mmCIF file of all heavy atoms, coordinates in Angstrom:
data_MODEL
# 
_entry.id   MODEL 
# 
loop_
_atom_site.group_PDB 
_atom_site.id 
_atom_site.type_symbol 
_atom_site.label_atom_id 
_atom_site.label_alt_id 
_atom_site.label_comp_id 
_atom_site.label_asym_id 
_atom_site.label_entity_id 
_atom_site.label_seq_id 
_atom_site.pdbx_PDB_ins_code 
_atom_site.Cartn_x 
_atom_site.Cartn_y 
_atom_site.Cartn_z 
_atom_site.occupancy 
_atom_site.B_iso_or_equiv 
_atom_site.pdbx_formal_charge 
_atom_site.auth_seq_id 
_atom_site.auth_comp_id 
_atom_site.auth_asym_id 
_atom_site.auth_atom_id 
_atom_site.pdbx_PDB_model_num 
ATOM 1   N N   . SER A 1 1  ? 85.349  -28.212 -100.871 1.00 0.00 ? 1  SER A N   1 
ATOM 2   C CA  . SER A 1 1  ? 86.550  -28.627 -100.154 1.00 0.00 ? 1  SER A CA  1 
ATOM 3   C C   . SER A 1 1  ? 87.658  -27.581 -100.182 1.00 0.00 ? 1  SER A C   1 
ATOM 4   O O   . SER A 1 1  ? 88.730  -27.787 -99.620  1.00 0.00 ? 1  SER A O   1 
ATOM 5   C CB  . SER A 1 1  ? 87.079  -29.942 -100.722 1.00 0.00 ? 1  SER A CB  1 
ATOM 6   O OG  . SER A 1 1  ? 87.531  -29.767 -102.051 1.00 0.00 ? 1  SER A OG  1 
ATOM 7   N N   . TYR A 1 2  ? 87.399  -26.442 -100.832 1.00 0.00 ? 2  TYR A N   1 
ATOM 8   C CA  . TYR A 1 2  ? 88.405  -25.401 -100.982 1.00 0.00 ? 2  TYR A CA  1 
ATOM 9   C C   . TYR A 1 2  ? 88.215  -24.281 -99.967  1.00 0.00 ? 2  TYR A C   1 
ATOM 10  O O   . TYR A 1 2  ? 87.110  -23.747 -99.824  1.00 0.00 ? 2  TYR A O   1 
ATOM 11  C CB  . TYR A 1 2  ? 88.318  -24.772 -102.367 1.00 0.00 ? 2  TYR A CB  1 
ATOM 12  C CG  . TYR A 1 2  ? 88.805  -25.631 -103.502 1.00 0.00 ? 2  TYR A CG  1 
ATOM 13  C CD1 . TYR A 1 2  ? 88.050  -26.712 -103.958 1.00 0.00 ? 2  TYR A CD1 1 
ATOM 14  C CD2 . TYR A 1 2  ? 90.002  -25.362 -104.128 1.00 0.00 ? 2  TYR A CD2 1 
ATOM 15  C CE1 . TYR A 1 2  ? 88.493  -27.496 -104.999 1.00 0.00 ? 2  TYR A CE1 1 
ATOM 16  C CE2 . TYR A 1 2  ? 90.446  -26.134 -105.182 1.00 0.00 ? 2  TYR A CE2 1 
ATOM 17  C CZ  . TYR A 1 2  ? 89.693  -27.201 -105.614 1.00 0.00 ? 2  TYR A CZ  1 
ATOM 18  O OH  . TYR A 1 2  ? 90.140  -27.963 -106.647 1.00 0.00 ? 2  TYR A OH  1 
ATOM 19  N N   . ALA A 1 3  ? 89.292  -23.905 -99.302  1.00 0.00 ? 3  ALA A N   1 
ATOM 20  C CA  . ALA A 1 3  ? 89.286  -22.627 -98.607  1.00 0.00 ? 3  ALA A CA  1 
ATOM 21  C C   . ALA A 1 3  ? 89.366  -21.542 -99.679  1.00 0.00 ? 3  ALA A C   1 
ATOM 22  O O   . ALA A 1 3  ? 90.002  -21.732 -100.716 1.00 0.00 ? 3  ALA A O   1 
ATOM 23  C CB  . ALA A 1 3  ? 90.463  -22.532 -97.654  1.00 0.00 ? 3  ALA A CB  1 
ATOM 24  N N   . MET A 1 4  ? 88.719  -20.421 -99.445  1.00 0.00 ? 4  MET A N   1 
ATOM 25  C CA  . MET A 1 4  ? 88.644  -19.359 -100.443 1.00 0.00 ? 4  MET A CA  1 
ATOM 26  C C   . MET A 1 4  ? 89.144  -18.047 -99.874  1.00 0.00 ? 4  MET A C   1 
ATOM 27  O O   . MET A 1 4  ? 89.037  -17.792 -98.661  1.00 0.00 ? 4  MET A O   1 
ATOM 28  C CB  . MET A 1 4  ? 87.199  -19.193 -100.917 1.00 0.00 ? 4  MET A CB  1 
ATOM 29  C CG  . MET A 1 4  ? 86.588  -20.424 -101.555 1.00 0.00 ? 4  MET A CG  1 
ATOM 30  S SD  . MET A 1 4  ? 87.392  -20.889 -103.105 1.00 0.00 ? 4  MET A SD  1 
ATOM 31  C CE  . MET A 1 4  ? 86.967  -19.471 -104.136 1.00 0.00 ? 4  MET A CE  1 
ATOM 32  N N   . GLY A 1 5  ? 89.636  -17.217 -100.757 1.00 0.00 ? 5  GLY A N   1 
ATOM 33  C CA  . GLY A 1 5  ? 90.118  -15.913 -100.326 1.00 0.00 ? 5  GLY A CA  1 
ATOM 34  C C   . GLY A 1 5  ? 89.787  -14.841 -101.347 1.00 0.00 ? 5  GLY A C   1 
ATOM 35  O O   . GLY A 1 5  ? 89.522  -15.140 -102.513 1.00 0.00 ? 5  GLY A O   1 
ATOM 36  N N   . TRP A 1 6  ? 89.762  -13.611 -100.870 1.00 0.00 ? 6  TRP A N   1 
ATOM 37  C CA  . TRP A 1 6  ? 89.656  -12.445 -101.729 1.00 0.00 ? 6  TRP A CA  1 
ATOM 38  C C   . TRP A 1 6  ? 90.937  -11.612 -101.551 1.00 0.00 ? 6  TRP A C   1 
ATOM 39  O O   . TRP A 1 6  ? 91.404  -11.409 -100.422 1.00 0.00 ? 6  TRP A O   1 
ATOM 40  C CB  . TRP A 1 6  ? 88.448  -11.589 -101.362 1.00 0.00 ? 6  TRP A CB  1 
ATOM 41  C CG  . TRP A 1 6  ? 87.135  -12.135 -101.815 1.00 0.00 ? 6  TRP A CG  1 
ATOM 42  C CD1 . TRP A 1 6  ? 86.251  -12.879 -101.084 1.00 0.00 ? 6  TRP A CD1 1 
ATOM 43  C CD2 . TRP A 1 6  ? 86.553  -11.982 -103.108 1.00 0.00 ? 6  TRP A CD2 1 
ATOM 44  N NE1 . TRP A 1 6  ? 85.154  -13.200 -101.846 1.00 0.00 ? 6  TRP A NE1 1 
ATOM 45  C CE2 . TRP A 1 6  ? 85.306  -12.657 -103.089 1.00 0.00 ? 6  TRP A CE2 1 
ATOM 46  C CE3 . TRP A 1 6  ? 86.935  -11.333 -104.284 1.00 0.00 ? 6  TRP A CE3 1 
ATOM 47  C CZ2 . TRP A 1 6  ? 84.456  -12.710 -104.201 1.00 0.00 ? 6  TRP A CZ2 1 
ATOM 48  C CZ3 . TRP A 1 6  ? 86.098  -11.386 -105.379 1.00 0.00 ? 6  TRP A CZ3 1 
ATOM 49  C CH2 . TRP A 1 6  ? 84.871  -12.064 -105.328 1.00 0.00 ? 6  TRP A CH2 1 
ATOM 50  N N   . PHE A 1 7  ? 91.430  -11.142 -102.668 1.00 0.00 ? 7  PHE A N   1 
ATOM 51  C CA  . PHE A 1 7  ? 92.589  -10.263 -102.691 1.00 0.00 ? 7  PHE A CA  1 
ATOM 52  C C   . PHE A 1 7  ? 92.253  -9.052  -103.549 1.00 0.00 ? 7  PHE A C   1 
ATOM 53  O O   . PHE A 1 7  ? 91.267  -9.064  -104.282 1.00 0.00 ? 7  PHE A O   1 
ATOM 54  C CB  . PHE A 1 7  ? 93.803  -10.984 -103.290 1.00 0.00 ? 7  PHE A CB  1 
ATOM 55  C CG  . PHE A 1 7  ? 94.342  -12.083 -102.418 1.00 0.00 ? 7  PHE A CG  1 
ATOM 56  C CD1 . PHE A 1 7  ? 93.699  -13.306 -102.340 1.00 0.00 ? 7  PHE A CD1 1 
ATOM 57  C CD2 . PHE A 1 7  ? 95.499  -11.898 -101.681 1.00 0.00 ? 7  PHE A CD2 1 
ATOM 58  C CE1 . PHE A 1 7  ? 94.187  -14.328 -101.533 1.00 0.00 ? 7  PHE A CE1 1 
ATOM 59  C CE2 . PHE A 1 7  ? 96.000  -12.902 -100.871 1.00 0.00 ? 7  PHE A CE2 1 
ATOM 60  C CZ  . PHE A 1 7  ? 95.344  -14.115 -100.801 1.00 0.00 ? 7  PHE A CZ  1 
ATOM 61  N N   . ARG A 1 8  ? 93.076  -8.022  -103.452 1.00 0.00 ? 8  ARG A N   1 
ATOM 62  C CA  . ARG A 1 8  ? 92.878  -6.859  -104.315 1.00 0.00 ? 8  ARG A CA  1 
ATOM 63  C C   . ARG A 1 8  ? 94.219  -6.266  -104.692 1.00 0.00 ? 8  ARG A C   1 
ATOM 64  O O   . ARG A 1 8  ? 95.218  -6.428  -103.980 1.00 0.00 ? 8  ARG A O   1 
ATOM 65  C CB  . ARG A 1 8  ? 92.002  -5.812  -103.630 1.00 0.00 ? 8  ARG A CB  1 
ATOM 66  C CG  . ARG A 1 8  ? 92.622  -5.165  -102.401 1.00 0.00 ? 8  ARG A CG  1 
ATOM 67  C CD  . ARG A 1 8  ? 91.594  -4.258  -101.715 1.00 0.00 ? 8  ARG A CD  1 
ATOM 68  N NE  . ARG A 1 8  ? 92.152  -3.578  -100.552 1.00 0.00 ? 8  ARG A NE  1 
ATOM 69  C CZ  . ARG A 1 8  ? 91.445  -2.830  -99.715  1.00 0.00 ? 8  ARG A CZ  1 
ATOM 70  N NH1 . ARG A 1 8  ? 90.137  -2.654  -99.919  1.00 0.00 ? 8  ARG A NH1 1 
ATOM 71  N NH2 . ARG A 1 8  ? 92.028  -2.245  -98.682  1.00 0.00 ? 8  ARG A NH2 1 
ATOM 72  N N   . GLN A 1 9  ? 94.213  -5.581  -105.824 1.00 0.00 ? 9  GLN A N   1 
ATOM 73  C CA  . GLN A 1 9  ? 95.422  -4.930  -106.298 1.00 0.00 ? 9  GLN A CA  1 
ATOM 74  C C   . GLN A 1 9  ? 95.076  -3.571  -106.876 1.00 0.00 ? 9  GLN A C   1 
ATOM 75  O O   . GLN A 1 9  ? 94.320  -3.490  -107.852 1.00 0.00 ? 9  GLN A O   1 
ATOM 76  C CB  . GLN A 1 9  ? 96.151  -5.790  -107.337 1.00 0.00 ? 9  GLN A CB  1 
ATOM 77  C CG  . GLN A 1 9  ? 97.510  -5.240  -107.732 1.00 0.00 ? 9  GLN A CG  1 
ATOM 78  C CD  . GLN A 1 9  ? 98.330  -6.244  -108.509 1.00 0.00 ? 9  GLN A CD  1 
ATOM 79  O OE1 . GLN A 1 9  ? 97.816  -7.218  -109.061 1.00 0.00 ? 9  GLN A OE1 1 
ATOM 80  N NE2 . GLN A 1 9  ? 99.645  -6.030  -108.553 1.00 0.00 ? 9  GLN A NE2 1 
ATOM 81  N N   . ALA A 1 10 ? 95.606  -2.539  -106.256 1.00 0.00 ? 10 ALA A N   1 
ATOM 82  C CA  . ALA A 1 10 ? 95.416  -1.179  -106.734 1.00 0.00 ? 10 ALA A CA  1 
ATOM 83  C C   . ALA A 1 10 ? 96.541  -0.829  -107.704 1.00 0.00 ? 10 ALA A C   1 
ATOM 84  O O   . ALA A 1 10 ? 97.619  -1.427  -107.655 1.00 0.00 ? 10 ALA A O   1 
ATOM 85  C CB  . ALA A 1 10 ? 95.406  -0.211  -105.557 1.00 0.00 ? 10 ALA A CB  1 
ATOM 86  N N   . PRO A 1 11 ? 96.314  0.149   -108.576 1.00 0.00 ? 11 PRO A N   1 
ATOM 87  C CA  . PRO A 1 11 ? 97.351  0.538   -109.532 1.00 0.00 ? 11 PRO A CA  1 
ATOM 88  C C   . PRO A 1 11 ? 98.659  0.917   -108.837 1.00 0.00 ? 11 PRO A C   1 
ATOM 89  O O   . PRO A 1 11 ? 98.664  1.696   -107.885 1.00 0.00 ? 11 PRO A O   1 
ATOM 90  C CB  . PRO A 1 11 ? 96.742  1.748   -110.244 1.00 0.00 ? 11 PRO A CB  1 
ATOM 91  C CG  . PRO A 1 11 ? 95.271  1.545   -110.111 1.00 0.00 ? 11 PRO A CG  1 
ATOM 92  C CD  . PRO A 1 11 ? 95.068  0.899   -108.782 1.00 0.00 ? 11 PRO A CD  1 
ATOM 93  N N   . GLY A 1 12 ? 99.753  0.330   -109.298 1.00 0.00 ? 12 GLY A N   1 
ATOM 94  C CA  . GLY A 1 12 ? 101.056 0.642   -108.744 1.00 0.00 ? 12 GLY A CA  1 
ATOM 95  C C   . GLY A 1 12 ? 101.359 -0.006  -107.407 1.00 0.00 ? 12 GLY A C   1 
ATOM 96  O O   . GLY A 1 12 ? 102.398 0.281   -106.813 1.00 0.00 ? 12 GLY A O   1 
ATOM 97  N N   . LYS A 1 13 ? 100.444 -0.851  -106.938 1.00 0.00 ? 13 LYS A N   1 
ATOM 98  C CA  . LYS A 1 13 ? 100.652 -1.503  -105.641 1.00 0.00 ? 13 LYS A CA  1 
ATOM 99  C C   . LYS A 1 13 ? 100.667 -3.016  -105.791 1.00 0.00 ? 13 LYS A C   1 
ATOM 100 O O   . LYS A 1 13 ? 100.189 -3.560  -106.786 1.00 0.00 ? 13 LYS A O   1 
ATOM 101 C CB  . LYS A 1 13 ? 99.562  -1.086  -104.659 1.00 0.00 ? 13 LYS A CB  1 
ATOM 102 C CG  . LYS A 1 13 ? 99.582  0.395   -104.296 1.00 0.00 ? 13 LYS A CG  1 
ATOM 103 C CD  . LYS A 1 13 ? 98.592  0.695   -103.196 1.00 0.00 ? 13 LYS A CD  1 
ATOM 104 C CE  . LYS A 1 13 ? 98.671  2.164   -102.781 1.00 0.00 ? 13 LYS A CE  1 
ATOM 105 N NZ  . LYS A 1 13 ? 97.725  2.463   -101.669 1.00 0.00 ? 13 LYS A NZ  1 
ATOM 106 N N   . GLU A 1 14 ? 101.191 -3.673  -104.780 1.00 0.00 ? 14 GLU A N   1 
ATOM 107 C CA  . GLU A 1 14 ? 101.206 -5.126  -104.795 1.00 0.00 ? 14 GLU A CA  1 
ATOM 108 C C   . GLU A 1 14 ? 99.826  -5.679  -104.432 1.00 0.00 ? 14 GLU A C   1 
ATOM 109 O O   . GLU A 1 14 ? 99.024  -5.010  -103.789 1.00 0.00 ? 14 GLU A O   1 
ATOM 110 C CB  . GLU A 1 14 ? 102.255 -5.658  -103.801 1.00 0.00 ? 14 GLU A CB  1 
ATOM 111 C CG  . GLU A 1 14 ? 103.682 -5.326  -104.179 1.00 0.00 ? 14 GLU A CG  1 
ATOM 112 C CD  . GLU A 1 14 ? 104.687 -5.987  -103.265 1.00 0.00 ? 14 GLU A CD  1 
ATOM 113 O OE1 . GLU A 1 14 ? 104.270 -6.575  -102.246 1.00 0.00 ? 14 GLU A OE1 1 
ATOM 114 O OE2 . GLU A 1 14 ? 105.891 -5.908  -103.559 1.00 0.00 ? 14 GLU A OE2 1 
ATOM 115 N N   . ARG A 1 15 ? 99.586  -6.914  -104.854 1.00 0.00 ? 15 ARG A N   1 
ATOM 116 C CA  . ARG A 1 15 ? 98.343  -7.573  -104.493 1.00 0.00 ? 15 ARG A CA  1 
ATOM 117 C C   . ARG A 1 15 ? 98.320  -7.777  -102.984 1.00 0.00 ? 15 ARG A C   1 
ATOM 118 O O   . ARG A 1 15 ? 99.310  -8.198  -102.387 1.00 0.00 ? 15 ARG A O   1 
ATOM 119 C CB  . ARG A 1 15 ? 98.232  -8.916  -105.217 1.00 0.00 ? 15 ARG A CB  1 
ATOM 120 C CG  . ARG A 1 15 ? 96.896  -9.591  -105.061 1.00 0.00 ? 15 ARG A CG  1 
ATOM 121 C CD  . ARG A 1 15 ? 96.785  -10.805 -105.974 1.00 0.00 ? 15 ARG A CD  1 
ATOM 122 N NE  . ARG A 1 15 ? 96.908  -10.429 -107.393 1.00 0.00 ? 15 ARG A NE  1 
ATOM 123 C CZ  . ARG A 1 15 ? 96.664  -11.264 -108.396 1.00 0.00 ? 15 ARG A CZ  1 
ATOM 124 N NH1 . ARG A 1 15 ? 96.271  -12.509 -108.133 1.00 0.00 ? 15 ARG A NH1 1 
ATOM 125 N NH2 . ARG A 1 15 ? 96.812  -10.867 -109.633 1.00 0.00 ? 15 ARG A NH2 1 
ATOM 126 N N   . GLU A 1 16 ? 97.174  -7.496  -102.366 1.00 0.00 ? 16 GLU A N   1 
ATOM 127 C CA  . GLU A 1 16 ? 97.077  -7.629  -100.926 1.00 0.00 ? 16 GLU A CA  1 
ATOM 128 C C   . GLU A 1 16 ? 95.875  -8.478  -100.534 1.00 0.00 ? 16 GLU A C   1 
ATOM 129 O O   . GLU A 1 16 ? 94.852  -8.501  -101.215 1.00 0.00 ? 16 GLU A O   1 
ATOM 130 C CB  . GLU A 1 16 ? 96.977  -6.254  -100.251 1.00 0.00 ? 16 GLU A CB  1 
ATOM 131 C CG  . GLU A 1 16 ? 95.727  -5.480  -100.551 1.00 0.00 ? 16 GLU A CG  1 
ATOM 132 C CD  . GLU A 1 16 ? 95.602  -4.207  -99.723  1.00 0.00 ? 16 GLU A CD  1 
ATOM 133 O OE1 . GLU A 1 16 ? 96.435  -3.991  -98.818  1.00 0.00 ? 16 GLU A OE1 1 
ATOM 134 O OE2 . GLU A 1 16 ? 94.658  -3.441  -99.964  1.00 0.00 ? 16 GLU A OE2 1 
ATOM 135 N N   . PHE A 1 17 ? 96.027  -9.141  -99.422  1.00 0.00 ? 17 PHE A N   1 
ATOM 136 C CA  . PHE A 1 17 ? 94.973  -9.980  -98.866  1.00 0.00 ? 17 PHE A CA  1 
ATOM 137 C C   . PHE A 1 17 ? 93.828  -9.120  -98.361  1.00 0.00 ? 17 PHE A C   1 
ATOM 138 O O   . PHE A 1 17 ? 94.047  -8.060  -97.764  1.00 0.00 ? 17 PHE A O   1 
ATOM 139 C CB  . PHE A 1 17 ? 95.553  -10.812 -97.722  1.00 0.00 ? 17 PHE A CB  1 
ATOM 140 C CG  . PHE A 1 17 ? 94.521  -11.539 -96.911  1.00 0.00 ? 17 PHE A CG  1 
ATOM 141 C CD1 . PHE A 1 17 ? 93.993  -12.735 -97.356  1.00 0.00 ? 17 PHE A CD1 1 
ATOM 142 C CD2 . PHE A 1 17 ? 94.079  -11.014 -95.709  1.00 0.00 ? 17 PHE A CD2 1 
ATOM 143 C CE1 . PHE A 1 17 ? 93.044  -13.403 -96.603  1.00 0.00 ? 17 PHE A CE1 1 
ATOM 144 C CE2 . PHE A 1 17 ? 93.135  -11.671 -94.956  1.00 0.00 ? 17 PHE A CE2 1 
ATOM 145 C CZ  . PHE A 1 17 ? 92.613  -12.876 -95.398  1.00 0.00 ? 17 PHE A CZ  1 
ATOM 146 N N   . VAL A 1 18 ? 92.598  -9.606  -98.579  1.00 0.00 ? 18 VAL A N   1 
ATOM 147 C CA  . VAL A 1 18 ? 91.412  -8.909  -98.084  1.00 0.00 ? 18 VAL A CA  1 
ATOM 148 C C   . VAL A 1 18 ? 90.667  -9.761  -97.058  1.00 0.00 ? 18 VAL A C   1 
ATOM 149 O O   . VAL A 1 18 ? 90.402  -9.315  -95.940  1.00 0.00 ? 18 VAL A O   1 
ATOM 150 C CB  . VAL A 1 18 ? 90.460  -8.546  -99.239  1.00 0.00 ? 18 VAL A CB  1 
ATOM 151 C CG1 . VAL A 1 18 ? 89.169  -7.925  -98.698  1.00 0.00 ? 18 VAL A CG1 1 
ATOM 152 C CG2 . VAL A 1 18 ? 91.142  -7.598  -100.222 1.00 0.00 ? 18 VAL A CG2 1 
ATOM 153 N N   . ALA A 1 19 ? 90.317  -10.987 -97.437  1.00 0.00 ? 19 ALA A N   1 
ATOM 154 C CA  . ALA A 1 19 ? 89.523  -11.839 -96.544  1.00 0.00 ? 19 ALA A CA  1 
ATOM 155 C C   . ALA A 1 19 ? 89.670  -13.291 -96.966  1.00 0.00 ? 19 ALA A C   1 
ATOM 156 O O   . ALA A 1 19 ? 89.981  -13.580 -98.120  1.00 0.00 ? 19 ALA A O   1 
ATOM 157 C CB  . ALA A 1 19 ? 88.047  -11.428 -96.576  1.00 0.00 ? 19 ALA A CB  1 
ATOM 158 N N   . ALA A 1 20 ? 89.421  -14.192 -96.016  1.00 0.00 ? 20 ALA A N   1 
ATOM 159 C CA  . ALA A 1 20 ? 89.480  -15.620 -96.302  1.00 0.00 ? 20 ALA A CA  1 
ATOM 160 C C   . ALA A 1 20 ? 88.383  -16.326 -95.539  1.00 0.00 ? 20 ALA A C   1 
ATOM 161 O O   . ALA A 1 20 ? 87.906  -15.850 -94.497  1.00 0.00 ? 20 ALA A O   1 
ATOM 162 C CB  . ALA A 1 20 ? 90.837  -16.196 -95.915  1.00 0.00 ? 20 ALA A CB  1 
ATOM 163 N N   . ILE A 1 21 ? 88.006  -17.498 -96.054  1.00 0.00 ? 21 ILE A N   1 
ATOM 164 C CA  . ILE A 1 21 ? 86.968  -18.302 -95.416  1.00 0.00 ? 21 ILE A CA  1 
ATOM 165 C C   . ILE A 1 21 ? 87.318  -19.776 -95.579  1.00 0.00 ? 21 ILE A C   1 
ATOM 166 O O   . ILE A 1 21 ? 87.812  -20.198 -96.621  1.00 0.00 ? 21 ILE A O   1 
ATOM 167 C CB  . ILE A 1 21 ? 85.580  -17.974 -96.016  1.00 0.00 ? 21 ILE A CB  1 
ATOM 168 C CG1 . ILE A 1 21 ? 84.452  -18.643 -95.228  1.00 0.00 ? 21 ILE A CG1 1 
ATOM 169 C CG2 . ILE A 1 21 ? 85.517  -18.329 -97.503  1.00 0.00 ? 21 ILE A CG2 1 
ATOM 170 C CD1 . ILE A 1 21 ? 83.067  -18.102 -95.603  1.00 0.00 ? 21 ILE A CD1 1 
ATOM 171 N N   . SER A 1 22 ? 87.079  -20.548 -94.539  1.00 0.00 ? 22 SER A N   1 
ATOM 172 C CA  . SER A 1 22 ? 87.342  -21.981 -94.596  1.00 0.00 ? 22 SER A CA  1 
ATOM 173 C C   . SER A 1 22 ? 86.324  -22.675 -95.495  1.00 0.00 ? 22 SER A C   1 
ATOM 174 O O   . SER A 1 22 ? 85.277  -22.105 -95.831  1.00 0.00 ? 22 SER A O   1 
ATOM 175 C CB  . SER A 1 22 ? 87.295  -22.578 -93.197  1.00 0.00 ? 22 SER A CB  1 
ATOM 176 O OG  . SER A 1 22 ? 85.984  -22.429 -92.644  1.00 0.00 ? 22 SER A OG  1 
ATOM 177 N N   . TRP A 1 23 ? 86.596  -23.927 -95.846  1.00 0.00 ? 23 TRP A N   1 
ATOM 178 C CA  . TRP A 1 23 ? 85.684  -24.620 -96.752  1.00 0.00 ? 23 TRP A CA  1 
ATOM 179 C C   . TRP A 1 23 ? 84.305  -24.805 -96.135  1.00 0.00 ? 23 TRP A C   1 
ATOM 180 O O   . TRP A 1 23 ? 83.296  -24.826 -96.826  1.00 0.00 ? 23 TRP A O   1 
ATOM 181 C CB  . TRP A 1 23 ? 86.242  -25.972 -97.210  1.00 0.00 ? 23 TRP A CB  1 
ATOM 182 C CG  . TRP A 1 23 ? 86.396  -27.035 -96.150  1.00 0.00 ? 23 TRP A CG  1 
ATOM 183 C CD1 . TRP A 1 23 ? 87.554  -27.399 -95.517  1.00 0.00 ? 23 TRP A CD1 1 
ATOM 184 C CD2 . TRP A 1 23 ? 85.377  -27.888 -95.610  1.00 0.00 ? 23 TRP A CD2 1 
ATOM 185 N NE1 . TRP A 1 23 ? 87.320  -28.413 -94.618  1.00 0.00 ? 23 TRP A NE1 1 
ATOM 186 C CE2 . TRP A 1 23 ? 85.991  -28.746 -94.660  1.00 0.00 ? 23 TRP A CE2 1 
ATOM 187 C CE3 . TRP A 1 23 ? 84.017  -28.033 -95.833  1.00 0.00 ? 23 TRP A CE3 1 
ATOM 188 C CZ2 . TRP A 1 23 ? 85.289  -29.700 -93.950  1.00 0.00 ? 23 TRP A CZ2 1 
ATOM 189 C CZ3 . TRP A 1 23 ? 83.302  -28.998 -95.116  1.00 0.00 ? 23 TRP A CZ3 1 
ATOM 190 C CH2 . TRP A 1 23 ? 83.937  -29.809 -94.186  1.00 0.00 ? 23 TRP A CH2 1 
ATOM 191 N N   . SER A 1 24 ? 84.247  -24.916 -94.818  1.00 0.00 ? 24 SER A N   1 
ATOM 192 C CA  . SER A 1 24 ? 82.966  -25.105 -94.140  1.00 0.00 ? 24 SER A CA  1 
ATOM 193 C C   . SER A 1 24 ? 82.233  -23.792 -93.916  1.00 0.00 ? 24 SER A C   1 
ATOM 194 O O   . SER A 1 24 ? 81.038  -23.805 -93.591  1.00 0.00 ? 24 SER A O   1 
ATOM 195 C CB  . SER A 1 24 ? 83.210  -25.753 -92.785  1.00 0.00 ? 24 SER A CB  1 
ATOM 196 O OG  . SER A 1 24 ? 83.926  -24.866 -91.940  1.00 0.00 ? 24 SER A OG  1 
ATOM 197 N N   . GLY A 1 25 ? 82.956  -22.685 -94.031  1.00 0.00 ? 25 GLY A N   1 
ATOM 198 C CA  . GLY A 1 25 ? 82.365  -21.390 -93.711  1.00 0.00 ? 25 GLY A CA  1 
ATOM 199 C C   . GLY A 1 25 ? 82.427  -21.061 -92.230  1.00 0.00 ? 25 GLY A C   1 
ATOM 200 O O   . GLY A 1 25 ? 81.999  -19.985 -91.822  1.00 0.00 ? 25 GLY A O   1 
ATOM 201 N N   . CYS A 1 26 ? 82.975  -21.975 -91.429  1.00 0.00 ? 26 CYS A N   1 
ATOM 202 C CA  . CYS A 1 26 ? 83.018  -21.773 -89.979  1.00 0.00 ? 26 CYS A CA  1 
ATOM 203 C C   . CYS A 1 26 ? 84.029  -20.731 -89.547  1.00 0.00 ? 26 CYS A C   1 
ATOM 204 O O   . CYS A 1 26 ? 83.894  -20.123 -88.480  1.00 0.00 ? 26 CYS A O   1 
ATOM 205 C CB  . CYS A 1 26 ? 83.326  -23.094 -89.280  1.00 0.00 ? 26 CYS A CB  1 
ATOM 206 S SG  . CYS A 1 26 ? 82.012  -24.310 -89.386  1.00 0.00 ? 26 CYS A SG  1 
ATOM 207 N N   . SER A 1 27 ? 85.067  -20.561 -90.351  1.00 0.00 ? 27 SER A N   1 
ATOM 208 C CA  . SER A 1 27 ? 86.130  -19.613 -89.991  1.00 0.00 ? 27 SER A CA  1 
ATOM 209 C C   . SER A 1 27 ? 86.287  -18.565 -91.066  1.00 0.00 ? 27 SER A C   1 
ATOM 210 O O   . SER A 1 27 ? 86.282  -18.886 -92.262  1.00 0.00 ? 27 SER A O   1 
ATOM 211 C CB  . SER A 1 27 ? 87.459  -20.347 -89.816  1.00 0.00 ? 27 SER A CB  1 
ATOM 212 O OG  . SER A 1 27 ? 87.442  -21.178 -88.690  1.00 0.00 ? 27 SER A OG  1 
ATOM 213 N N   . THR A 1 28 ? 86.448  -17.330 -90.630  1.00 0.00 ? 28 THR A N   1 
ATOM 214 C CA  . THR A 1 28 ? 86.726  -16.229 -91.539  1.00 0.00 ? 28 THR A CA  1 
ATOM 215 C C   . THR A 1 28 ? 87.831  -15.364 -90.945  1.00 0.00 ? 28 THR A C   1 
ATOM 216 O O   . THR A 1 28 ? 88.070  -15.379 -89.725  1.00 0.00 ? 28 THR A O   1 
ATOM 217 C CB  . THR A 1 28 ? 85.492  -15.350 -91.789  1.00 0.00 ? 28 THR A CB  1 
ATOM 218 O OG1 . THR A 1 28 ? 85.018  -14.853 -90.526  1.00 0.00 ? 28 THR A OG1 1 
ATOM 219 C CG2 . THR A 1 28 ? 84.377  -16.137 -92.467  1.00 0.00 ? 28 THR A CG2 1 
# 
């Protein structure tokens, strides 16, 4: 039931969005 996301953070930088997916997997 959870939408999921991936984020990343490089040294000295803010955390940034990478990718997301809906709970069904239908949307990315």
